[in-house]
C-alpha atoms as a PDB file:
ATOM      1  CA  UNK A   1      53.901 -42.403  33.142  1.00  0.00           C
ATOM      2  CA  UNK A   2      50.365 -42.762  31.823  1.00  0.00           C
ATOM      3  CA  UNK A   3      47.308 -40.691  32.633  1.00  0.00           C
ATOM      4  CA  UNK A   4      45.927 -43.016  35.307  1.00  0.00           C
ATOM      5  CA  UNK A   5      49.188 -43.076  37.235  1.00  0.00           C
ATOM      6  CA  UNK A   6      48.983 -39.257  37.556  1.00  0.00           C
ATOM      7  CA  UNK A   7      45.552 -39.326  39.234  1.00  0.00           C
ATOM      8  CA  UNK A   8      46.773 -40.404  42.714  1.00  0.00           C
ATOM      9  CA  UNK A   9      49.324 -37.548  42.694  1.00  0.00           C
ATOM     10  CA  UNK A  10      46.619 -35.072  41.715  1.00  0.00           C
ATOM     11  CA  UNK A  11      44.318 -36.408  44.435  1.00  0.00           C
ATOM     12  CA  UNK A  12      47.076 -35.980  47.026  1.00  0.00           C
ATOM     13  CA  UNK A  13      47.651 -32.352  46.006  1.00  0.00           C
ATOM     14  CA  UNK A  14      43.975 -31.566  46.631  1.00  0.00           C
ATOM     15  CA  UNK A  15      41.851 -32.215  49.660  1.00  0.00           C
ATOM     16  CA  UNK A  16      39.994 -35.458  49.088  1.00  0.00           C
ATOM     17  CA  UNK A  17      36.662 -33.694  49.566  1.00  0.00           C
ATOM     18  CA  UNK A  18      37.326 -31.606  46.417  1.00  0.00           C
ATOM     19  CA  UNK A  19      38.216 -34.375  43.948  1.00  0.00           C
ATOM     20  CA  UNK A  20      36.196 -37.479  43.179  1.00  0.00           C
ATOM     21  CA  UNK A  21      36.594 -40.167  40.548  1.00  0.00           C
ATOM     22  CA  UNK A  22      33.401 -41.094  38.707  1.00  0.00           C
ATOM     23  CA  UNK A  23      32.806 -43.526  35.857  1.00  0.00           C
ATOM     24  CA  UNK A  24      32.870 -40.570  33.452  1.00  0.00           C
ATOM     25  CA  UNK A  25      36.036 -38.898  34.757  1.00  0.00           C
ATOM     26  CA  UNK A  26      37.087 -36.644  37.590  1.00  0.00           C
ATOM     27  CA  UNK A  27      34.756 -34.373  39.539  1.00  0.00           C
ATOM     28  CA  UNK A  28      36.049 -31.269  41.295  1.00  0.00           C
ATOM     29  CA  UNK A  29      33.807 -29.675  43.889  1.00  0.00           C
ATOM     30  CA  UNK A  30      34.058 -25.964  44.606  1.00  0.00           C
ATOM     31  CA  UNK A  31      32.351 -24.330  47.536  1.00  0.00           C
ATOM     32  CA  UNK A  32      30.808 -20.853  47.311  1.00  0.00           C
ATOM     33  CA  UNK A  33      33.647 -19.342  49.340  1.00  0.00           C
ATOM     34  CA  UNK A  34      36.296 -20.773  47.009  1.00  0.00           C
ATOM     35  CA  UNK A  35      34.740 -19.296  43.870  1.00  0.00           C
ATOM     36  CA  UNK A  36      33.911 -16.028  45.644  1.00  0.00           C
ATOM     37  CA  UNK A  37      37.439 -15.430  46.968  1.00  0.00           C
ATOM     38  CA  UNK A  38      38.944 -16.152  43.543  1.00  0.00           C
ATOM     39  CA  UNK A  39      36.473 -13.854  41.757  1.00  0.00           C
ATOM     40  CA  UNK A  40      36.957 -11.044  44.305  1.00  0.00           C
ATOM     41  CA  UNK A  41      40.648 -10.956  43.336  1.00  0.00           C
ATOM     42  CA  UNK A  42      39.601 -10.215  39.737  1.00  0.00           C
ATOM     43  CA  UNK A  43      37.097  -7.462  40.574  1.00  0.00           C
ATOM     44  CA  UNK A  44      37.878  -3.731  40.407  1.00  0.00           C
ATOM     45  CA  UNK A  45      38.967  -1.905  43.541  1.00  0.00           C
ATOM     46  CA  UNK A  46      35.677   0.042  43.728  1.00  0.00           C
ATOM     47  CA  UNK A  47      33.701  -3.198  44.188  1.00  0.00           C
ATOM     48  CA  UNK A  48      32.195  -3.727  47.633  1.00  0.00           C
ATOM     49  CA  UNK A  49      30.200  -6.541  49.243  1.00  0.00           C
ATOM     50  CA  UNK A  50      30.824  -9.065  46.457  1.00  0.00           C
ATOM     51  CA  UNK A  51      29.156 -12.423  47.222  1.00  0.00           C
ATOM     52  CA  UNK A  52      28.588 -15.677  45.353  1.00  0.00           C
ATOM     53  CA  UNK A  53      25.785 -18.094  46.176  1.00  0.00           C
ATOM     54  CA  UNK A  54      24.917 -21.450  44.592  1.00  0.00           C
ATOM     55  CA  UNK A  55      21.239 -22.409  44.424  1.00  0.00           C
ATOM     56  CA  UNK A  56      19.466 -25.734  44.110  1.00  0.00           C
ATOM     57  CA  UNK A  57      17.859 -24.560  40.866  1.00  0.00           C
ATOM     58  CA  UNK A  58      21.271 -24.944  39.149  1.00  0.00           C
ATOM     59  CA  UNK A  59      22.000 -21.205  39.211  1.00  0.00           C
ATOM     60  CA  UNK A  60      24.792 -18.995  40.474  1.00  0.00           C
ATOM     61  CA  UNK A  61      23.780 -15.748  42.175  1.00  0.00           C
ATOM     62  CA  UNK A  62      26.227 -12.842  42.407  1.00  0.00           C
ATOM     63  CA  UNK A  63      25.668  -9.669  44.407  1.00  0.00           C
ATOM     64  CA  UNK A  64      27.745  -6.608  45.065  1.00  0.00           C
ATOM     65  CA  UNK A  65      28.045  -2.848  44.903  1.00  0.00           C
ATOM     66  CA  UNK A  66      30.128  -0.861  42.458  1.00  0.00           C
ATOM     67  CA  UNK A  67      30.653   2.875  42.115  1.00  0.00           C
ATOM     68  CA  UNK A  68      29.476   4.303  38.822  1.00  0.00           C
ATOM     69  CA  UNK A  69      30.289   7.993  38.315  1.00  0.00           C
ATOM     70  CA  UNK A  70      30.963   8.197  42.060  1.00  0.00           C
ATOM     71  CA  UNK A  71      27.499   6.844  42.923  1.00  0.00           C
ATOM     72  CA  UNK A  72      27.298   3.431  44.617  1.00  0.00           C
ATOM     73  CA  UNK A  73      25.086   1.049  42.618  1.00  0.00           C
ATOM     74  CA  UNK A  74      23.986  -2.249  44.158  1.00  0.00           C
ATOM     75  CA  UNK A  75      23.529  -5.083  41.716  1.00  0.00           C
ATOM     76  CA  UNK A  76      22.504  -8.713  41.720  1.00  0.00           C
ATOM     77  CA  UNK A  77      22.510 -11.242  38.932  1.00  0.00           C
ATOM     78  CA  UNK A  78      21.517 -14.828  38.378  1.00  0.00           C
ATOM     79  CA  UNK A  79      23.634 -16.972  36.060  1.00  0.00           C
ATOM     80  CA  UNK A  80      22.748 -20.378  34.627  1.00  0.00           C
ATOM     81  CA  UNK A  81      25.340 -22.749  33.113  1.00  0.00           C
ATOM     82  CA  UNK A  82      24.937 -22.718  29.343  1.00  0.00           C
ATOM     83  CA  UNK A  83      27.944 -24.464  27.750  1.00  0.00           C
ATOM     84  CA  UNK A  84      31.555 -25.487  28.255  1.00  0.00           C
ATOM     85  CA  UNK A  85      34.543 -25.298  25.939  1.00  0.00           C
ATOM     86  CA  UNK A  86      37.805 -26.709  27.255  1.00  0.00           C
ATOM     87  CA  UNK A  87      38.032 -25.199  30.717  1.00  0.00           C
ATOM     88  CA  UNK A  88      35.901 -22.155  29.948  1.00  0.00           C
ATOM     89  CA  UNK A  89      32.357 -22.260  31.303  1.00  0.00           C
ATOM     90  CA  UNK A  90      29.701 -20.087  29.699  1.00  0.00           C
ATOM     91  CA  UNK A  91      26.825 -18.827  31.839  1.00  0.00           C
ATOM     92  CA  UNK A  92      23.698 -17.065  30.614  1.00  0.00           C
ATOM     93  CA  UNK A  93      22.519 -14.039  32.587  1.00  0.00           C
ATOM     94  CA  UNK A  94      18.970 -14.963  33.565  1.00  0.00           C
ATOM     95  CA  UNK A  95      18.372 -11.887  35.690  1.00  0.00           C
ATOM     96  CA  UNK A  96      20.271  -8.640  36.341  1.00  0.00           C
ATOM     97  CA  UNK A  97      19.067  -6.024  38.834  1.00  0.00           C
ATOM     98  CA  UNK A  98      18.522  -3.097  39.321  1.00  0.00           C
ATOM     99  CA  UNK A  99      18.971  -2.252  35.655  1.00  0.00           C
ATOM    100  CA  UNK A 100      19.559  -4.350  32.624  1.00  0.00           C
ATOM    101  CA  UNK A 101      22.307  -1.868  31.709  1.00  0.00           C
ATOM    102  CA  UNK A 102      24.973  -3.138  29.332  1.00  0.00           C
ATOM    103  CA  UNK A 103      27.593  -0.692  30.617  1.00  0.00           C
ATOM    104  CA  UNK A 104      27.137  -1.890  34.198  1.00  0.00           C
ATOM    105  CA  UNK A 105      27.393  -5.534  33.090  1.00  0.00           C
ATOM    106  CA  UNK A 106      30.570  -4.709  31.153  1.00  0.00           C
ATOM    107  CA  UNK A 107      32.085  -2.927  34.143  1.00  0.00           C
ATOM    108  CA  UNK A 108      31.343  -5.799  36.537  1.00  0.00           C
ATOM    109  CA  UNK A 109      31.854  -8.829  34.306  1.00  0.00           C
ATOM    110  CA  UNK A 110      34.578  -7.943  31.813  1.00  0.00           C
ATOM    111  CA  UNK A 111      37.752  -8.951  33.691  1.00  0.00           C
ATOM    112  CA  UNK A 112      40.031 -10.603  31.101  1.00  0.00           C
ATOM    113  CA  UNK A 113      41.431 -13.178  30.933  1.00  0.00           C
ATOM    114  CA  UNK A 114      39.296 -14.964  33.556  1.00  0.00           C
ATOM    115  CA  UNK A 115      35.920 -13.252  33.123  1.00  0.00           C
ATOM    116  CA  UNK A 116      34.551 -12.003  29.833  1.00  0.00           C
ATOM    117  CA  UNK A 117      31.113 -10.667  29.049  1.00  0.00           C
ATOM    118  CA  UNK A 118      29.369 -10.467  25.667  1.00  0.00           C
ATOM    119  CA  UNK A 119      25.741 -10.621  24.517  1.00  0.00           C
ATOM    120  CA  UNK A 120      24.197 -11.570  27.874  1.00  0.00           C
ATOM    121  CA  UNK A 121      26.744 -14.399  28.333  1.00  0.00           C
ATOM    122  CA  UNK A 122      29.539 -14.583  30.894  1.00  0.00           C
ATOM    123  CA  UNK A 123      32.577 -16.702  30.046  1.00  0.00           C
ATOM    124  CA  UNK A 124      34.546 -17.830  33.101  1.00  0.00           C
ATOM    125  CA  UNK A 125      37.958 -19.413  32.513  1.00  0.00           C
ATOM    126  CA  UNK A 126      37.982 -21.839  35.426  1.00  0.00           C
ATOM    127  CA  UNK A 127      41.481 -23.016  34.560  1.00  0.00           C
ATOM    128  CA  UNK A 128      42.691 -19.937  36.432  1.00  0.00           C
ATOM    129  CA  UNK A 129      41.067 -21.124  39.674  1.00  0.00           C
ATOM    130  CA  UNK A 130      43.743 -22.460  42.084  1.00  0.00           C
ATOM    131  CA  UNK A 131      41.903 -25.757  42.646  1.00  0.00           C
ATOM    132  CA  UNK A 132      41.574 -26.537  38.935  1.00  0.00           C
ATOM    133  CA  UNK A 133      45.162 -25.467  38.275  1.00  0.00           C
ATOM    134  CA  UNK A 134      46.223 -28.417  40.425  1.00  0.00           C
ATOM    135  CA  UNK A 135      44.427 -30.795  38.050  1.00  0.00           C
ATOM    136  CA  UNK A 136      46.487 -30.548  34.845  1.00  0.00           C
ATOM    137  CA  UNK A 137      44.431 -33.077  32.889  1.00  0.00           C
ATOM    138  CA  UNK A 138      40.987 -33.039  31.354  1.00  0.00           C
ATOM    139  CA  UNK A 139      38.602 -30.463  30.026  1.00  0.00           C
ATOM    140  CA  UNK A 140      35.306 -29.517  31.604  1.00  0.00           C
ATOM    141  CA  UNK A 141      32.575 -31.874  30.528  1.00  0.00           C
ATOM    142  CA  UNK A 142      29.762 -30.708  32.816  1.00  0.00           C
ATOM    143  CA  UNK A 143      28.864 -28.216  35.518  1.00  0.00           C
ATOM    144  CA  UNK A 144      26.106 -28.732  38.023  1.00  0.00           C
ATOM    145  CA  UNK A 145      25.231 -26.369  40.810  1.00  0.00           C
ATOM    146  CA  UNK A 146      23.662 -27.428  44.076  1.00  0.00           C
ATOM    147  CA  UNK A 147      23.188 -25.435  47.230  1.00  0.00           C
ATOM    148  CA  UNK A 148      26.650 -24.571  48.505  1.00  0.00           C
ATOM    149  CA  UNK A 149      28.602 -26.465  45.822  1.00  0.00           C
ATOM    150  CA  UNK A 150      29.568 -26.340  42.157  1.00  0.00           C
ATOM    151  CA  UNK A 151      30.440 -29.756  40.734  1.00  0.00           C
ATOM    152  CA  UNK A 152      32.777 -29.592  37.765  1.00  0.00           C
ATOM    153  CA  UNK A 153      33.068 -32.800  35.758  1.00  0.00           C
ATOM    154  CA  UNK A 154      36.404 -33.194  33.973  1.00  0.00           C
ATOM    155  CA  UNK A 155      36.804 -35.690  31.168  1.00  0.00           C
ATOM    156  CA  UNK A 156      40.011 -37.671  31.278  1.00  0.00           C
ATOM    157  CA  UNK A 157      40.034 -38.623  27.602  1.00  0.00           C
END
């Protein structure tokens, strides 16, 4: 069984609106809710109001509230796709509010093995996402973010 004979089986296992064949490979589309629900599972129990929003300016906005020393701290951050390596996407933190505190970033964003934070970069292992787990072939070639959708281009070479 060659690679191209596997593609119809993969397409059947996903909703057709999530997987598209392009001339460069496969494209998986994730909605805000899909990424949010997966990320919420990885967050600490003291996290409240966690939301994910995709913007037309190719950024990912994350908001929430976490308790730090028993005090609730609301935060918001803006992430921009920076690079990809295999199925790990690296995002640069463009903005972090209310404080640019490293300890708060570590507490929110360091959730191994799926989320790792270092030096103002967030590494998200998207292979752990249920939708991408169903596509056993290809590594991430590109990520584009539009309002309401993250398009993940997978190479099939």
